[in-house]
């Protein structure tokens, strides 16, 4: 039953994530320009080592459009750039993402396309404060962004503590 629910709602959730990703990319002309030469190519994002206690997370297949944005594909064609993300601890992965820490990844495929994707990962940032200012005004947006940074800092400390505890437990059992 849970697997049916996941397969039913996963495409909608992925579409929303792609809308956000495209919003962020479209605000940076250089990011779009870096992707345009790869129009028609695809990338497959796979969560590797996903815990067996959780419903399997579906792969995300993305195609690069001529505009330098992404579109969701039903499945990645052969020859797609494959990015495997270590998701052995999804909670820690989520916490780390709040602080801008990069997950462990392995990449297989075209080196130039992989380089463009790496550039996006390293350089693309969502200016949440700017988007909030358009909705709420600059003062409220600044305050919300300040609170968000404080929460992200606290979550980063929590993630670092969890990583330390896991490392200590791993060493203690050896």
Protein backbone atom coordinates (compact mmCIF):
# COMPACT_ATOMS: atom_id res chain seq x y z
CA UNK A 1 0.00 0.00 0.00
CA UNK A 2 2.78 2.42 0.93
CA UNK A 3 4.65 1.54 -2.26
CA UNK A 4 1.51 2.34 -4.30
CA UNK A 5 1.22 5.69 -2.55
CA UNK A 6 4.89 6.45 -3.25
CA UNK A 7 4.61 5.59 -6.94
CA UNK A 8 1.43 7.65 -7.24
CA UNK A 9 2.72 10.84 -5.58
CA UNK A 10 6.44 10.68 -6.43
CA UNK A 11 6.06 12.13 -9.96
CA UNK A 12 4.08 15.10 -8.61
CA UNK A 13 6.69 15.72 -5.91
CA UNK A 14 9.48 15.44 -8.47
CA UNK A 15 7.68 17.91 -10.76
CA UNK A 16 7.54 20.43 -7.89
CA UNK A 17 11.25 19.96 -7.18
CA UNK A 18 12.04 20.52 -10.86
CA UNK A 19 9.94 23.70 -10.89
CA UNK A 20 11.99 25.01 -7.96
CA UNK A 21 15.26 23.94 -9.58
CA UNK A 22 14.29 25.64 -12.86
CA UNK A 23 13.27 28.78 -10.96
CA UNK A 24 16.72 28.95 -9.36
CA UNK A 25 18.51 28.20 -12.65
CA UNK A 26 16.45 30.76 -14.60
CA UNK A 27 17.57 33.53 -12.23
CA UNK A 28 21.20 32.90 -13.27
CA UNK A 29 21.85 33.42 -16.98
CA UNK A 30 25.28 31.80 -16.65
CA UNK A 31 23.71 28.61 -15.27
CA UNK A 32 21.34 28.37 -18.23
CA UNK A 33 24.21 29.09 -20.63
CA UNK A 34 26.24 26.25 -19.07
CA UNK A 35 23.38 23.79 -19.61
CA UNK A 36 22.35 24.82 -23.14
CA UNK A 37 25.17 22.94 -24.93
CA UNK A 38 23.82 19.75 -23.33
CA UNK A 39 20.26 20.17 -24.64
CA UNK A 40 18.76 16.76 -25.36
CA UNK A 41 21.05 14.98 -22.91
CA UNK A 42 19.76 13.44 -19.71
CA UNK A 43 20.82 12.78 -16.16
CA UNK A 44 19.63 10.09 -13.77
CA UNK A 45 19.72 10.83 -10.03
CA UNK A 46 19.74 7.68 -7.92
CA UNK A 47 19.64 7.49 -4.12
CA UNK A 48 22.13 4.74 -3.33
CA UNK A 49 22.10 2.66 -0.12
CA UNK A 50 18.54 3.76 0.68
CA UNK A 51 17.39 2.12 3.96
CA UNK A 52 15.33 -1.01 3.37
CA UNK A 53 12.91 -0.04 6.15
CA UNK A 54 11.69 2.91 4.05
CA UNK A 55 9.73 2.72 0.79
CA UNK A 56 12.13 2.75 -2.14
CA UNK A 57 12.80 6.28 -3.36
CA UNK A 58 12.28 6.48 -7.13
CA UNK A 59 15.07 7.60 -9.42
CA UNK A 60 14.75 11.06 -10.93
CA UNK A 61 15.38 11.26 -14.68
CA UNK A 62 15.95 14.75 -16.05
CA UNK A 63 16.36 15.98 -19.59
CA UNK A 64 18.08 19.23 -20.51
CA UNK A 65 15.88 21.54 -22.60
CA UNK A 66 17.16 23.88 -25.36
CA UNK A 67 16.55 26.78 -22.94
CA UNK A 68 19.07 25.35 -20.47
CA UNK A 69 16.51 24.12 -17.95
CA UNK A 70 15.36 20.67 -16.86
CA UNK A 71 12.30 18.58 -17.59
CA UNK A 72 11.29 15.34 -15.89
CA UNK A 73 11.52 12.24 -18.02
CA UNK A 74 9.58 9.05 -17.37
CA UNK A 75 12.88 7.18 -17.57
CA UNK A 76 16.42 8.07 -18.52
CA UNK A 77 17.57 6.85 -21.92
CA UNK A 78 20.72 4.77 -22.25
CA UNK A 79 23.86 6.84 -22.00
CA UNK A 80 22.40 9.23 -19.43
CA UNK A 81 24.77 10.81 -16.94
CA UNK A 82 24.26 8.83 -13.74
CA UNK A 83 24.66 10.49 -10.36
CA UNK A 84 24.48 8.18 -7.34
CA UNK A 85 23.91 9.99 -4.05
CA UNK A 86 24.72 8.21 -0.79
CA UNK A 87 21.40 8.11 1.05
CA UNK A 88 22.24 5.51 3.68
CA UNK A 89 21.05 8.01 6.31
CA UNK A 90 18.27 10.14 4.73
CA UNK A 91 17.73 12.25 7.87
CA UNK A 92 21.40 13.18 8.07
CA UNK A 93 21.41 13.85 4.31
CA UNK A 94 18.46 16.24 4.72
CA UNK A 95 20.02 18.00 7.72
CA UNK A 96 23.31 18.43 5.88
CA UNK A 97 21.54 19.95 2.88
CA UNK A 98 20.18 22.75 5.09
CA UNK A 99 23.73 23.86 5.84
CA UNK A 100 25.00 23.58 2.28
CA UNK A 101 27.07 20.46 2.89
CA UNK A 102 27.49 18.32 -0.20
CA UNK A 103 26.52 14.64 -0.06
CA UNK A 104 28.84 11.87 -1.17
CA UNK A 105 28.20 11.22 -4.85
CA UNK A 106 29.60 9.10 -7.63
CA UNK A 107 29.19 10.10 -11.27
CA UNK A 108 29.27 7.95 -14.39
CA UNK A 109 29.01 9.31 -17.89
CA UNK A 110 30.10 12.19 -20.10
CA UNK A 111 32.89 14.19 -18.41
CA UNK A 112 31.89 17.56 -19.90
CA UNK A 113 28.26 17.15 -18.85
CA UNK A 114 29.40 15.98 -15.40
CA UNK A 115 31.56 19.11 -15.17
CA UNK A 116 28.58 21.34 -15.98
CA UNK A 117 26.46 19.57 -13.36
CA UNK A 118 29.26 19.93 -10.80
CA UNK A 119 29.47 23.65 -11.58
CA UNK A 120 25.73 23.96 -10.91
CA UNK A 121 26.04 22.11 -7.59
CA UNK A 122 28.99 24.23 -6.48
CA UNK A 123 27.76 27.65 -7.63
CA UNK A 124 23.98 27.74 -7.80
CA UNK A 125 22.19 29.08 -4.72
CA UNK A 126 18.56 29.94 -4.16
CA UNK A 127 18.15 33.56 -3.05
CA UNK A 128 15.16 32.88 -0.84
CA UNK A 129 15.29 36.36 0.67
CA UNK A 130 14.87 37.96 -2.77
CA UNK A 131 11.86 35.76 -3.57
CA UNK A 132 10.30 36.49 -0.18
CA UNK A 133 10.86 40.23 -0.66
CA UNK A 134 8.75 40.13 -3.81
CA UNK A 135 5.90 38.60 -1.79
CA UNK A 136 6.23 40.16 1.66
CA UNK A 137 8.43 43.21 1.27
CA UNK A 138 12.13 43.61 2.05
CA UNK A 139 11.88 44.06 5.84
CA UNK A 140 9.80 40.95 6.49
CA UNK A 141 11.90 38.97 3.99
CA UNK A 142 15.11 39.99 5.74
CA UNK A 143 13.75 38.95 9.14
CA UNK A 144 12.50 35.59 7.85
CA UNK A 145 15.84 34.97 6.14
CA UNK A 146 17.67 35.79 9.38
CA UNK A 147 15.51 33.30 11.28
CA UNK A 148 16.09 30.74 8.53
CA UNK A 149 19.87 31.16 8.79
CA UNK A 150 19.66 30.68 12.57
CA UNK A 151 17.61 27.49 12.12
CA UNK A 152 20.05 26.22 9.45
CA UNK A 153 22.97 26.87 11.81
CA UNK A 154 21.23 24.93 14.59
CA UNK A 155 20.43 22.07 12.21
CA UNK A 156 24.05 22.08 11.04
CA UNK A 157 25.19 21.66 14.65
CA UNK A 158 22.70 18.83 15.07
CA UNK A 159 23.96 17.14 11.90
CA UNK A 160 27.59 17.50 12.99
CA UNK A 161 26.74 16.03 16.40
CA UNK A 162 24.91 13.12 14.79
CA UNK A 163 27.84 12.45 12.44
CA UNK A 164 30.23 12.53 15.41
CA UNK A 165 28.05 10.16 17.43
CA UNK A 166 27.75 7.75 14.49
CA UNK A 167 31.50 7.83 13.91
CA UNK A 168 32.19 7.20 17.60
CA UNK A 169 29.71 4.31 17.66
CA UNK A 170 31.34 2.84 14.56
CA UNK A 171 34.81 3.03 16.10
CA UNK A 172 33.62 1.68 19.41
CA UNK A 173 32.28 -1.49 17.84
CA UNK A 174 35.47 -2.27 15.91
